[in-house]
Amino acid sequence: MTKKNPFMLTTSDQWVELESDPLARFEHLEDPDEAVKRAGYSVWGTLSEKDLTPLWLEIYRHQGGLDADPEFMVLVCNHGVDETVYAESAPAMMSLQARWAPAIQAAAVTALLGELENDRTFSSFAGLVRKALA
């Protein structure tokens, strides 16, 4: 099965399939972080806390130049599994975050409720809530 090219959210709020993945030319590198760096992307931010919730976004911004690569690269992460999508511009990035925020929030709340039911789970917030409800 042939791997499909990733999608990009455009400034006009449309999803388009890219002609090629901006990271594809660095697939030979063993270190994924080095591939991201060589492609011209650096960490810009996250939506939710990495590894503390079941779902989060890792956001990278292209460091400029005349490259035709999308301005933002986004990894949609779920504990060891990630999907790469791109955003054409800052407005597209904000739209992408707004689309994902409800799913990320729901995943975080569901995980917290599971921690509240399990007395053996260590979470400072869950512990505070348990104490307040006792």
Protein backbone atom coordinates (compact mmCIF):
# COMPACT_ATOMS: atom_id res chain seq x y z
CA MET A 1 0.00 0.00 0.00
CA THR A 2 1.37 3.41 -0.96
CA LYS A 3 1.61 5.99 1.79
CA LYS A 4 -0.61 9.00 1.11
CA ASN A 5 0.75 12.49 1.28
CA PRO A 6 -0.26 14.50 4.33
CA PHE A 7 -2.98 17.11 4.32
CA MET A 8 -2.70 20.84 4.92
CA LEU A 9 -5.33 23.22 6.23
CA THR A 10 -5.28 26.35 4.09
CA THR A 11 -5.87 29.95 5.11
CA SER A 12 -9.24 29.69 3.34
CA ASP A 13 -10.13 26.88 5.81
CA GLN A 14 -9.96 24.06 3.25
CA TRP A 15 -8.09 20.77 3.56
CA VAL A 16 -5.83 19.97 0.60
CA GLU A 17 -3.52 17.02 0.03
CA LEU A 18 0.09 18.13 -0.40
CA GLU A 19 2.00 17.04 -3.51
CA SER A 20 4.73 15.69 -1.24
CA ASP A 21 5.55 15.52 2.44
CA PRO A 22 8.09 18.22 3.44
CA LEU A 23 9.77 15.64 5.68
CA ALA A 24 10.07 12.96 2.97
CA ARG A 25 13.50 14.13 1.80
CA PHE A 26 14.82 13.41 5.32
CA GLU A 27 13.35 9.91 5.79
CA HIS A 28 16.86 8.44 5.63
CA LEU A 29 17.72 10.01 9.00
CA GLU A 30 17.27 7.73 12.01
CA ASP A 31 16.42 10.59 14.38
CA PRO A 32 12.94 12.06 13.70
CA ASP A 33 13.81 15.24 15.62
CA GLU A 34 16.81 15.80 13.34
CA ALA A 35 14.59 15.31 10.27
CA VAL A 36 12.18 17.97 11.56
CA LYS A 37 15.08 20.34 12.24
CA ARG A 38 16.64 19.82 8.80
CA ALA A 39 13.27 20.41 7.16
CA GLY A 40 13.37 23.86 8.75
CA TYR A 41 10.83 23.38 11.53
CA SER A 42 11.30 24.17 15.21
CA VAL A 43 9.05 23.75 18.24
CA TRP A 44 6.36 26.43 18.39
CA GLY A 45 4.03 25.04 21.06
CA THR A 46 1.60 22.35 22.14
CA LEU A 47 -2.10 22.01 22.70
CA SER A 48 -2.40 20.05 25.96
CA GLU A 49 0.50 18.62 27.91
CA LYS A 50 2.60 15.99 26.14
CA ASP A 51 2.12 12.53 27.67
CA LEU A 52 -0.15 13.83 30.47
CA THR A 53 -3.34 13.48 28.45
CA PRO A 54 -4.34 10.79 25.97
CA LEU A 55 -4.38 13.25 23.04
CA TRP A 56 -2.32 16.37 22.27
CA LEU A 57 -0.92 18.45 19.43
CA GLU A 58 2.80 19.15 18.98
CA ILE A 59 3.17 22.26 16.83
CA TYR A 60 6.24 23.26 14.81
CA ARG A 61 6.81 26.44 12.79
CA HIS A 62 8.87 26.69 9.62
CA GLN A 63 11.82 28.99 10.08
CA GLY A 64 11.30 30.92 6.88
CA GLY A 65 13.24 31.51 3.76
CA LEU A 66 11.83 31.12 0.30
CA ASP A 67 10.72 27.54 0.89
CA ALA A 68 7.28 26.60 -0.33
CA ASP A 69 6.77 24.37 2.72
CA PRO A 70 3.73 25.04 4.91
CA GLU A 71 4.31 27.47 7.78
CA PHE A 72 3.18 24.99 10.48
CA MET A 73 3.62 21.26 10.95
CA VAL A 74 1.36 19.60 13.51
CA LEU A 75 1.72 16.17 15.06
CA VAL A 76 -1.60 14.87 16.34
CA CYS A 77 -0.37 12.53 19.10
CA ASN A 78 -1.98 9.72 21.04
CA HIS A 79 0.60 7.92 23.26
CA GLY A 80 3.10 6.62 20.72
CA VAL A 81 0.99 7.14 17.61
CA ASP A 82 1.04 10.35 15.67
CA GLU A 83 -0.36 11.73 12.45
CA THR A 84 1.25 14.66 10.66
CA VAL A 85 -0.82 17.47 9.19
CA TYR A 86 0.17 20.96 8.14
CA ALA A 87 -1.28 24.46 8.37
CA GLU A 88 -0.57 27.02 5.67
CA SER A 89 -0.50 30.10 7.90
CA ALA A 90 -1.12 31.43 11.42
CA PRO A 91 -4.88 31.85 10.79
CA ALA A 92 -5.04 28.26 9.49
CA MET A 93 -3.11 27.10 12.58
CA MET A 94 -5.59 28.86 14.87
CA SER A 95 -8.47 27.20 13.02
CA LEU A 96 -6.80 23.81 13.30
CA GLN A 97 -6.32 24.29 17.06
CA ALA A 98 -9.95 25.35 17.46
CA ARG A 99 -11.08 22.21 15.63
CA TRP A 100 -9.00 19.91 17.83
CA ALA A 101 -9.52 21.63 21.20
CA PRO A 102 -12.88 19.92 21.99
CA ALA A 103 -11.48 16.43 21.30
CA ILE A 104 -8.36 17.12 23.37
CA GLN A 105 -10.40 18.55 26.23
CA ALA A 106 -12.78 15.57 26.18
CA ALA A 107 -9.84 13.13 26.23
CA ALA A 108 -8.27 14.97 29.18
CA VAL A 109 -11.52 15.02 31.17
CA THR A 110 -12.18 11.34 30.44
CA ALA A 111 -8.65 10.44 31.58
CA LEU A 112 -9.09 12.51 34.77
CA LEU A 113 -12.40 10.79 35.57
CA GLY A 114 -10.65 7.44 35.17
CA GLU A 115 -7.95 8.57 37.61
CA LEU A 116 -10.57 9.67 40.13
CA GLU A 117 -12.10 6.19 40.10
CA ASN A 118 -8.74 4.48 40.64
CA ASP A 119 -7.29 5.07 44.13
CA ARG A 120 -3.91 3.71 43.02
CA THR A 121 -3.47 6.28 40.24
CA PHE A 122 -1.02 9.04 41.09
CA SER A 123 -2.06 12.45 39.90
CA SER A 124 -1.72 15.52 42.06
CA PHE A 125 -4.90 17.02 40.62
CA ALA A 126 -6.87 13.79 41.03
CA GLY A 127 -5.60 13.57 44.61
CA LEU A 128 -6.78 17.11 45.35
CA VAL A 129 -10.21 16.41 43.90
CA ARG A 130 -10.51 13.15 45.87
CA LYS A 131 -9.54 14.99 49.05
CA ALA A 132 -12.06 17.77 48.39
CA LEU A 133 -14.85 15.28 47.77
CA ALA A 134 -14.07 13.17 50.85
